[in-house]
Amino acid sequence: MKGDALPHKSHTLNKNTSIVNEEKLSLFNYHCHLQVPRIHHAYPQLIQTALDSGVLRFGINGVSEKDWEVEKQMSEEYPNFLIPCFGLYPGLGEYDEKCYDDQVLKDYTWSAYIDRLPQ
């Protein structure tokens, strides 16, 4: 899947996909912020560069509720590459009171992403 192919909806990585090939260890970046405005416009190119370098997946980390929808949309566009990490980071972002309400977390459709985590 390296090179000219992006891991878009039409590609499949599954639990049988090896994370090690004979040439080198494949990599996972589980802490990046592709949703931030200053680089969001370039995330398809960043994904391609990562693939060309042997990175198999990115975990995109949100810092506030405002990031969650963007993360969700991006991960739906690249379901076999981007894994959303919906989060709240203390001291960053503007937190609405509902962010501290357990019902927000219960209402969000987290379970749809569980089966996409690497095994």
N, C-alpha and C. Protein backbone atom coordinates (compact mmCIF):
# COMPACT_ATOMS: atom_id res chain seq x y z
N MET A 1 0.82 -1.19 0.00
CA MET A 1 0.00 0.00 0.00
C MET A 1 0.86 1.25 0.00
N LYS A 2 2.16 1.12 0.08
CA LYS A 2 3.02 2.30 0.05
C LYS A 2 3.04 2.93 -1.33
N GLY A 3 3.58 4.14 -1.38
CA GLY A 3 3.77 4.78 -2.67
C GLY A 3 2.57 5.57 -3.11
N ASP A 4 2.00 5.16 -4.23
CA ASP A 4 0.96 5.97 -4.84
C ASP A 4 -0.43 5.76 -4.28
N ALA A 5 -0.62 4.82 -3.39
CA ALA A 5 -1.97 4.52 -2.90
C ALA A 5 -2.17 5.05 -1.49
N LEU A 6 -3.19 5.85 -1.29
CA LEU A 6 -3.57 6.29 0.04
C LEU A 6 -4.51 5.26 0.64
N PRO A 7 -4.49 5.09 1.97
CA PRO A 7 -5.41 4.15 2.60
C PRO A 7 -6.79 4.77 2.75
N HIS A 8 -7.45 4.92 1.65
CA HIS A 8 -8.77 5.54 1.63
C HIS A 8 -9.81 4.47 1.91
N LYS A 9 -11.08 4.81 1.84
CA LYS A 9 -12.15 3.87 2.12
C LYS A 9 -12.05 2.58 1.33
N SER A 10 -11.48 2.64 0.15
CA SER A 10 -11.43 1.46 -0.71
C SER A 10 -10.32 0.48 -0.32
N HIS A 11 -9.42 0.87 0.59
CA HIS A 11 -8.34 -0.01 1.03
C HIS A 11 -8.70 -0.66 2.35
N THR A 12 -8.11 -1.81 2.61
CA THR A 12 -8.41 -2.51 3.84
C THR A 12 -7.14 -2.94 4.56
N LEU A 13 -7.02 -2.54 5.80
CA LEU A 13 -6.04 -3.10 6.71
C LEU A 13 -6.85 -3.83 7.76
N ASN A 14 -6.49 -5.04 8.08
CA ASN A 14 -7.24 -5.76 9.08
C ASN A 14 -6.30 -6.40 10.08
N LYS A 15 -6.86 -7.20 10.99
CA LYS A 15 -6.03 -7.78 12.05
C LYS A 15 -4.99 -8.74 11.50
N ASN A 16 -5.13 -9.19 10.26
CA ASN A 16 -4.15 -10.07 9.65
C ASN A 16 -3.05 -9.32 8.91
N THR A 17 -3.17 -8.00 8.83
CA THR A 17 -2.14 -7.20 8.18
C THR A 17 -0.92 -7.15 9.08
N SER A 18 0.20 -7.58 8.57
CA SER A 18 1.43 -7.61 9.36
C SER A 18 1.96 -6.21 9.58
N ILE A 19 2.42 -5.92 10.80
CA ILE A 19 3.04 -4.63 11.05
C ILE A 19 4.54 -4.68 10.79
N VAL A 20 5.04 -5.85 10.46
CA VAL A 20 6.46 -6.00 10.17
C VAL A 20 6.60 -6.58 8.77
N ASN A 21 7.39 -5.93 7.92
CA ASN A 21 7.68 -6.52 6.63
C ASN A 21 9.15 -6.93 6.62
N GLU A 22 9.57 -7.56 5.57
CA GLU A 22 10.94 -8.07 5.53
C GLU A 22 11.97 -6.95 5.43
N GLU A 23 11.56 -5.79 4.97
CA GLU A 23 12.50 -4.69 4.79
C GLU A 23 12.72 -3.88 6.05
N LYS A 24 11.64 -3.57 6.77
CA LYS A 24 11.77 -2.71 7.95
C LYS A 24 10.51 -2.80 8.79
N LEU A 25 10.60 -2.31 9.99
CA LEU A 25 9.47 -2.26 10.89
C LEU A 25 8.53 -1.14 10.44
N SER A 26 7.25 -1.43 10.37
CA SER A 26 6.28 -0.38 10.05
C SER A 26 5.97 0.41 11.31
N LEU A 27 5.64 1.66 11.14
CA LEU A 27 5.49 2.58 12.26
C LEU A 27 4.05 3.05 12.43
N PHE A 28 3.72 3.44 13.66
CA PHE A 28 2.44 4.02 14.02
C PHE A 28 2.71 5.33 14.74
N ASN A 29 2.06 6.41 14.33
CA ASN A 29 2.18 7.68 15.03
C ASN A 29 0.88 7.90 15.78
N TYR A 30 0.90 7.71 17.08
CA TYR A 30 -0.31 7.83 17.86
C TYR A 30 -0.44 9.16 18.59
N HIS A 31 0.26 10.16 18.11
CA HIS A 31 0.06 11.48 18.71
C HIS A 31 0.36 12.56 17.68
N CYS A 32 -0.66 12.90 16.93
CA CYS A 32 -0.52 14.01 15.99
C CYS A 32 -1.82 14.81 16.00
N HIS A 33 -1.76 16.01 15.47
CA HIS A 33 -2.90 16.93 15.50
C HIS A 33 -3.17 17.44 14.08
N LEU A 34 -3.56 16.54 13.19
CA LEU A 34 -3.83 16.93 11.80
C LEU A 34 -5.07 17.80 11.66
N GLN A 35 -5.86 17.92 12.71
CA GLN A 35 -7.09 18.71 12.64
C GLN A 35 -6.86 20.19 12.91
N VAL A 36 -5.67 20.58 13.34
CA VAL A 36 -5.45 22.00 13.65
C VAL A 36 -5.45 22.83 12.37
N PRO A 37 -6.05 24.01 12.40
CA PRO A 37 -6.23 24.80 11.17
C PRO A 37 -4.96 25.07 10.37
N ARG A 38 -3.83 25.29 11.02
CA ARG A 38 -2.64 25.67 10.26
C ARG A 38 -2.08 24.54 9.39
N ILE A 39 -2.44 23.28 9.67
CA ILE A 39 -1.96 22.18 8.81
C ILE A 39 -3.08 21.31 8.25
N HIS A 40 -4.32 21.53 8.71
CA HIS A 40 -5.43 20.69 8.28
C HIS A 40 -5.56 20.61 6.75
N HIS A 41 -5.35 21.71 6.07
CA HIS A 41 -5.48 21.74 4.61
C HIS A 41 -4.51 20.79 3.92
N ALA A 42 -3.42 20.44 4.59
CA ALA A 42 -2.36 19.62 3.97
C ALA A 42 -2.39 18.17 4.42
N TYR A 43 -3.42 17.74 5.19
CA TYR A 43 -3.34 16.39 5.75
C TYR A 43 -3.29 15.28 4.71
N PRO A 44 -3.92 15.38 3.52
CA PRO A 44 -3.73 14.30 2.54
C PRO A 44 -2.27 14.13 2.12
N GLN A 45 -1.57 15.25 1.94
CA GLN A 45 -0.16 15.17 1.57
C GLN A 45 0.68 14.63 2.73
N LEU A 46 0.34 15.01 3.95
CA LEU A 46 1.06 14.50 5.12
C LEU A 46 0.85 13.00 5.27
N ILE A 47 -0.35 12.53 4.98
CA ILE A 47 -0.62 11.09 5.03
C ILE A 47 0.22 10.37 3.98
N GLN A 48 0.27 10.91 2.78
CA GLN A 48 1.06 10.27 1.73
C GLN A 48 2.54 10.22 2.11
N THR A 49 3.06 11.30 2.66
CA THR A 49 4.46 11.32 3.10
C THR A 49 4.70 10.27 4.19
N ALA A 50 3.75 10.16 5.11
CA ALA A 50 3.88 9.15 6.16
C ALA A 50 3.89 7.74 5.58
N LEU A 51 2.98 7.47 4.65
CA LEU A 51 2.94 6.16 4.01
C LEU A 51 4.25 5.86 3.30
N ASP A 52 4.76 6.83 2.59
CA ASP A 52 6.03 6.65 1.88
C ASP A 52 7.18 6.37 2.84
N SER A 53 7.02 6.78 4.09
CA SER A 53 8.06 6.58 5.10
C SER A 53 7.84 5.32 5.93
N GLY A 54 6.76 4.58 5.64
CA GLY A 54 6.51 3.34 6.37
C GLY A 54 5.55 3.44 7.53
N VAL A 55 4.90 4.59 7.71
CA VAL A 55 3.92 4.73 8.79
C VAL A 55 2.60 4.12 8.34
N LEU A 56 2.04 3.23 9.15
CA LEU A 56 0.78 2.56 8.79
C LEU A 56 -0.46 3.27 9.31
N ARG A 57 -0.36 3.94 10.46
CA ARG A 57 -1.53 4.59 11.04
C ARG A 57 -1.12 5.82 11.82
N PHE A 58 -2.07 6.76 11.90
CA PHE A 58 -1.95 7.95 12.75
C PHE A 58 -3.10 7.92 13.75
N GLY A 59 -2.81 8.27 14.98
CA GLY A 59 -3.84 8.57 15.96
C GLY A 59 -3.95 10.08 16.02
N ILE A 60 -5.10 10.62 15.64
CA ILE A 60 -5.26 12.08 15.66
C ILE A 60 -5.90 12.48 16.99
N ASN A 61 -5.21 13.34 17.72
CA ASN A 61 -5.59 13.68 19.08
C ASN A 61 -6.29 15.03 19.14
N GLY A 62 -7.51 15.01 19.66
CA GLY A 62 -8.24 16.24 19.89
C GLY A 62 -7.91 16.79 21.26
N VAL A 63 -8.01 18.10 21.41
CA VAL A 63 -7.74 18.72 22.70
C VAL A 63 -8.99 19.35 23.30
N SER A 64 -10.05 19.45 22.50
CA SER A 64 -11.30 20.00 23.01
C SER A 64 -12.45 19.42 22.19
N GLU A 65 -13.64 19.65 22.68
CA GLU A 65 -14.84 19.15 22.00
C GLU A 65 -14.94 19.68 20.57
N LYS A 66 -14.39 20.86 20.32
CA LYS A 66 -14.44 21.45 18.98
C LYS A 66 -13.70 20.61 17.95
N ASP A 67 -12.72 19.83 18.39
CA ASP A 67 -11.95 18.98 17.48
C ASP A 67 -12.68 17.69 17.10
N TRP A 68 -13.61 17.25 17.91
CA TRP A 68 -14.16 15.91 17.76
C TRP A 68 -14.82 15.67 16.41
N GLU A 69 -15.62 16.60 15.95
CA GLU A 69 -16.32 16.39 14.67
C GLU A 69 -15.32 16.34 13.51
N VAL A 70 -14.31 17.19 13.54
CA VAL A 70 -13.28 17.19 12.49
C VAL A 70 -12.54 15.86 12.51
N GLU A 71 -12.16 15.40 13.71
CA GLU A 71 -11.48 14.10 13.83
C GLU A 71 -12.35 12.98 13.27
N LYS A 72 -13.62 13.01 13.62
CA LYS A 72 -14.55 11.98 13.15
C LYS A 72 -14.62 11.99 11.63
N GLN A 73 -14.78 13.16 11.02
CA GLN A 73 -14.87 13.25 9.56
C GLN A 73 -13.59 12.78 8.89
N MET A 74 -12.45 13.19 9.43
CA MET A 74 -11.17 12.77 8.84
C MET A 74 -11.00 11.26 8.93
N SER A 75 -11.36 10.69 10.07
CA SER A 75 -11.18 9.24 10.24
C SER A 75 -12.17 8.45 9.39
N GLU A 76 -13.30 9.04 9.06
CA GLU A 76 -14.23 8.38 8.14
C GLU A 76 -13.72 8.45 6.71
N GLU A 77 -12.99 9.50 6.39
CA GLU A 77 -12.41 9.63 5.06
C GLU A 77 -11.24 8.66 4.87
N TYR A 78 -10.47 8.44 5.92
CA TYR A 78 -9.32 7.53 5.90
C TYR A 78 -9.45 6.51 7.03
N PRO A 79 -10.46 5.63 6.97
CA PRO A 79 -10.74 4.74 8.10
C PRO A 79 -9.65 3.71 8.37
N ASN A 80 -8.82 3.43 7.41
CA ASN A 80 -7.77 2.44 7.60
C ASN A 80 -6.43 3.07 7.95
N PHE A 81 -6.43 4.38 8.17
CA PHE A 81 -5.19 5.07 8.51
C PHE A 81 -5.33 5.97 9.73
N LEU A 82 -6.40 6.74 9.81
CA LEU A 82 -6.57 7.70 10.91
C LEU A 82 -7.46 7.12 12.00
N ILE A 83 -6.97 7.14 13.22
CA ILE A 83 -7.74 6.67 14.38
C ILE A 83 -8.00 7.89 15.26
N PRO A 84 -9.28 8.25 15.46
CA PRO A 84 -9.57 9.43 16.28
C PRO A 84 -9.33 9.14 17.76
N CYS A 85 -8.75 10.10 18.44
CA CYS A 85 -8.54 10.03 19.89
C CYS A 85 -9.24 11.25 20.48
N PHE A 86 -10.54 11.10 20.73
CA PHE A 86 -11.34 12.22 21.21
C PHE A 86 -10.91 12.55 22.63
N GLY A 87 -10.44 13.77 22.82
CA GLY A 87 -9.94 14.08 24.14
C GLY A 87 -10.16 15.52 24.56
N LEU A 88 -9.91 15.74 25.82
CA LEU A 88 -9.93 17.07 26.42
C LEU A 88 -8.57 17.27 27.08
N TYR A 89 -7.91 18.35 26.75
CA TYR A 89 -6.59 18.60 27.31
C TYR A 89 -6.69 19.77 28.28
N PRO A 90 -6.35 19.53 29.54
CA PRO A 90 -6.45 20.60 30.53
C PRO A 90 -5.59 21.81 30.15
N GLY A 91 -6.21 22.97 30.22
CA GLY A 91 -5.47 24.20 29.96
C GLY A 91 -5.48 24.63 28.51
N LEU A 92 -5.93 23.77 27.61
CA LEU A 92 -6.02 24.13 26.20
C LEU A 92 -7.48 24.07 25.77
N GLY A 93 -7.84 24.92 24.84
CA GLY A 93 -9.20 24.91 24.33
C GLY A 93 -10.15 25.63 25.27
N GLU A 94 -11.33 25.87 24.75
CA GLU A 94 -12.37 26.50 25.54
C GLU A 94 -13.38 25.42 25.87
N TYR A 95 -13.53 25.14 27.15
CA TYR A 95 -14.41 24.05 27.55
C TYR A 95 -15.79 24.57 27.91
N ASP A 96 -16.76 23.99 27.28
CA ASP A 96 -18.14 24.24 27.60
C ASP A 96 -18.48 23.36 28.81
N GLU A 97 -19.41 23.78 29.62
CA GLU A 97 -19.77 22.98 30.80
C GLU A 97 -20.19 21.56 30.43
N LYS A 98 -20.81 21.39 29.27
CA LYS A 98 -21.26 20.05 28.92
C LYS A 98 -20.10 19.09 28.68
N CYS A 99 -18.89 19.60 28.48
CA CYS A 99 -17.73 18.72 28.34
C CYS A 99 -17.44 17.97 29.62
N TYR A 100 -17.92 18.50 30.73
CA TYR A 100 -17.69 17.85 32.01
C TYR A 100 -18.85 16.96 32.41
N ASP A 101 -19.83 16.86 31.55
CA ASP A 101 -21.02 16.06 31.82
C ASP A 101 -20.83 14.67 31.23
N ASP A 102 -20.97 13.64 32.04
CA ASP A 102 -20.80 12.27 31.56
C ASP A 102 -21.74 11.94 30.41
N GLN A 103 -22.89 12.61 30.33
CA GLN A 103 -23.84 12.29 29.26
C GLN A 103 -23.26 12.59 27.88
N VAL A 104 -22.42 13.62 27.76
CA VAL A 104 -21.78 13.93 26.48
C VAL A 104 -20.98 12.72 26.02
N LEU A 105 -20.23 12.14 26.93
CA LEU A 105 -19.42 10.98 26.57
C LEU A 105 -20.28 9.78 26.24
N LYS A 106 -21.38 9.61 26.94
CA LYS A 106 -22.29 8.49 26.67
C LYS A 106 -22.99 8.65 25.33
N ASP A 107 -23.31 9.88 24.96
CA ASP A 107 -24.04 10.14 23.72
C ASP A 107 -23.18 10.03 22.48
N TYR A 108 -21.89 10.24 22.60
CA TYR A 108 -21.02 10.22 21.42
C TYR A 108 -20.80 8.78 20.97
N THR A 109 -20.73 8.57 19.68
CA THR A 109 -20.68 7.21 19.13
C THR A 109 -19.26 6.65 19.10
N TRP A 110 -18.67 6.49 20.26
CA TRP A 110 -17.30 5.97 20.35
C TRP A 110 -17.19 4.55 19.85
N SER A 111 -18.19 3.72 20.13
CA SER A 111 -18.09 2.29 19.83
C SER A 111 -17.87 2.00 18.36
N ALA A 112 -18.24 2.91 17.48
CA ALA A 112 -18.04 2.69 16.04
C ALA A 112 -16.57 2.62 15.68
N TYR A 113 -15.70 3.09 16.56
CA TYR A 113 -14.27 3.14 16.25
C TYR A 113 -13.47 2.03 16.92
N ILE A 114 -14.05 1.32 17.86
CA ILE A 114 -13.33 0.30 18.61
C ILE A 114 -12.77 -0.78 17.70
N ASP A 115 -13.55 -1.24 16.73
CA ASP A 115 -13.09 -2.34 15.87
C ASP A 115 -11.99 -1.91 14.91
N ARG A 116 -11.70 -0.63 14.82
CA ARG A 116 -10.65 -0.15 13.91
C ARG A 116 -9.29 -0.05 14.59
N LEU A 117 -9.23 -0.31 15.89
CA LEU A 117 -7.96 -0.24 16.59
C LEU A 117 -7.08 -1.42 16.19
N PRO A 118 -5.78 -1.21 16.07
CA PRO A 118 -4.88 -2.32 15.74
C PRO A 118 -4.94 -3.39 16.81
N GLN A 119 -4.86 -4.62 16.40
CA GLN A 119 -4.89 -5.74 17.34
C GLN A 119 -3.50 -6.10 17.80
